[in-house]
Structures are given as C-alpha cells and as structure tokens.
Protein backbone atom coordinates (compact mmCIF):
# COMPACT_ATOMS: atom_id res chain seq x y z
CA UNK A 1 -61.42 -73.74 49.76
CA UNK A 2 -59.63 -77.21 49.73
CA UNK A 3 -59.27 -76.71 53.41
CA UNK A 4 -63.17 -75.91 53.92
CA UNK A 5 -63.81 -79.14 52.02
CA UNK A 6 -61.67 -81.38 54.28
CA UNK A 7 -63.14 -80.05 57.08
CA UNK A 8 -66.52 -80.50 56.20
CA UNK A 9 -65.73 -83.95 54.55
CA UNK A 10 -63.19 -85.36 57.45
CA UNK A 11 -64.06 -83.64 60.41
CA UNK A 12 -60.25 -82.47 60.95
CA UNK A 13 -58.69 -79.02 59.39
CA UNK A 14 -55.29 -80.66 60.15
CA UNK A 15 -54.23 -77.66 61.43
CA UNK A 16 -51.63 -79.35 63.79
CA UNK A 17 -49.04 -81.07 62.27
CA UNK A 18 -45.03 -82.39 62.77
CA UNK A 19 -42.68 -80.80 61.87
CA UNK A 20 -41.58 -82.47 58.08
CA UNK A 21 -39.90 -85.70 58.42
CA UNK A 22 -37.55 -87.01 55.74
CA UNK A 23 -36.82 -90.58 56.43
CA UNK A 24 -33.15 -92.08 55.70
CA UNK A 25 -33.29 -93.72 52.49
CA UNK A 26 -33.61 -97.48 52.48
CA UNK A 27 -33.55 -100.30 49.45
CA UNK A 28 -37.35 -99.96 48.36
CA UNK A 29 -38.44 -97.18 50.07
CA UNK A 30 -39.10 -93.61 48.73
CA UNK A 31 -36.90 -90.46 50.34
CA UNK A 32 -40.14 -88.22 50.68
CA UNK A 33 -40.62 -85.45 53.05
CA UNK A 34 -43.84 -85.81 54.85
CA UNK A 35 -45.81 -83.97 57.86
CA UNK A 36 -48.09 -86.42 60.06
CA UNK A 37 -51.72 -84.54 61.42
CA UNK A 38 -51.14 -84.70 65.57
CA UNK A 39 -55.17 -84.65 65.64
CA UNK A 40 -56.41 -87.19 63.45
CA UNK A 41 -52.89 -89.42 62.75
CA UNK A 42 -53.08 -88.99 58.76
CA UNK A 43 -49.93 -88.62 56.76
CA UNK A 44 -49.43 -86.24 53.89
CA UNK A 45 -46.37 -85.55 51.64
CA UNK A 46 -45.09 -81.87 52.27
CA UNK A 47 -43.30 -79.94 49.49
CA UNK A 48 -40.42 -78.04 51.21
CA UNK A 49 -39.86 -75.28 48.17
CA UNK A 50 -43.85 -74.05 48.89
CA UNK A 51 -43.69 -75.13 52.44
CA UNK A 52 -47.14 -76.47 52.07
CA UNK A 53 -48.96 -79.87 52.99
CA UNK A 54 -49.75 -81.66 49.53
CA UNK A 55 -51.83 -85.03 49.36
CA UNK A 56 -52.59 -87.32 51.18
CA UNK A 57 -50.41 -90.80 51.80
CA UNK A 58 -52.98 -93.74 51.86
CA UNK A 59 -51.78 -96.32 54.45
CA UNK A 60 -51.74 -99.84 53.70
CA UNK A 61 -52.69 -101.92 56.70
CA UNK A 62 -50.45 -104.75 57.63
CA UNK A 63 -51.35 -107.52 60.19
CA UNK A 64 -48.84 -107.45 62.68
CA UNK A 65 -48.11 -111.18 63.17
CA UNK A 66 -48.50 -112.50 60.00
CA UNK A 67 -51.33 -113.75 57.94
CA UNK A 68 -54.78 -113.16 59.51
CA UNK A 69 -56.76 -116.50 59.10
CA UNK A 70 -60.76 -116.29 60.07
CA UNK A 71 -62.07 -119.24 61.54
CA UNK A 72 -65.41 -120.65 60.84
CA UNK A 73 -67.78 -122.07 63.62
C-alpha cells in the first residue's frame, strides 16, 4: 500500500536501487546504511535486519562555492 501511494505522489516506484552502502565513519557523521534510487536519485535508509528500504533521507542543498549572493539591479 505504501509503495502505491509513493508511486502516485512522486511518480517513482524506487524499484531500481544501489546495493546498500555504509560509509566509513567520520567525525560528525553518523554511520548509517543507505540505498540510492537509480531512477530519481533520492536516498533512503536501509535496514539490514529486515532487508527493507526505510524512510527517505532529507537532502540539504549546499552552494558549491560558498555563499550565494543575489545582486539587485
């Protein structure tokens, strides 16, 4: 049922994902396993015990080169 709702609202069923990835632990970064949808690019928590995709991981948008400054003309 949850998959049907996701498909209707987002347009992506997230059926094609990467193999579960667990990044190397770094300072200030929680070591969590995740998968990425190859169709839409969204990342999701992954539960190894249940072998299921969990909640979506919210993405923060960071500027590539420091602060974004808007100029008024």
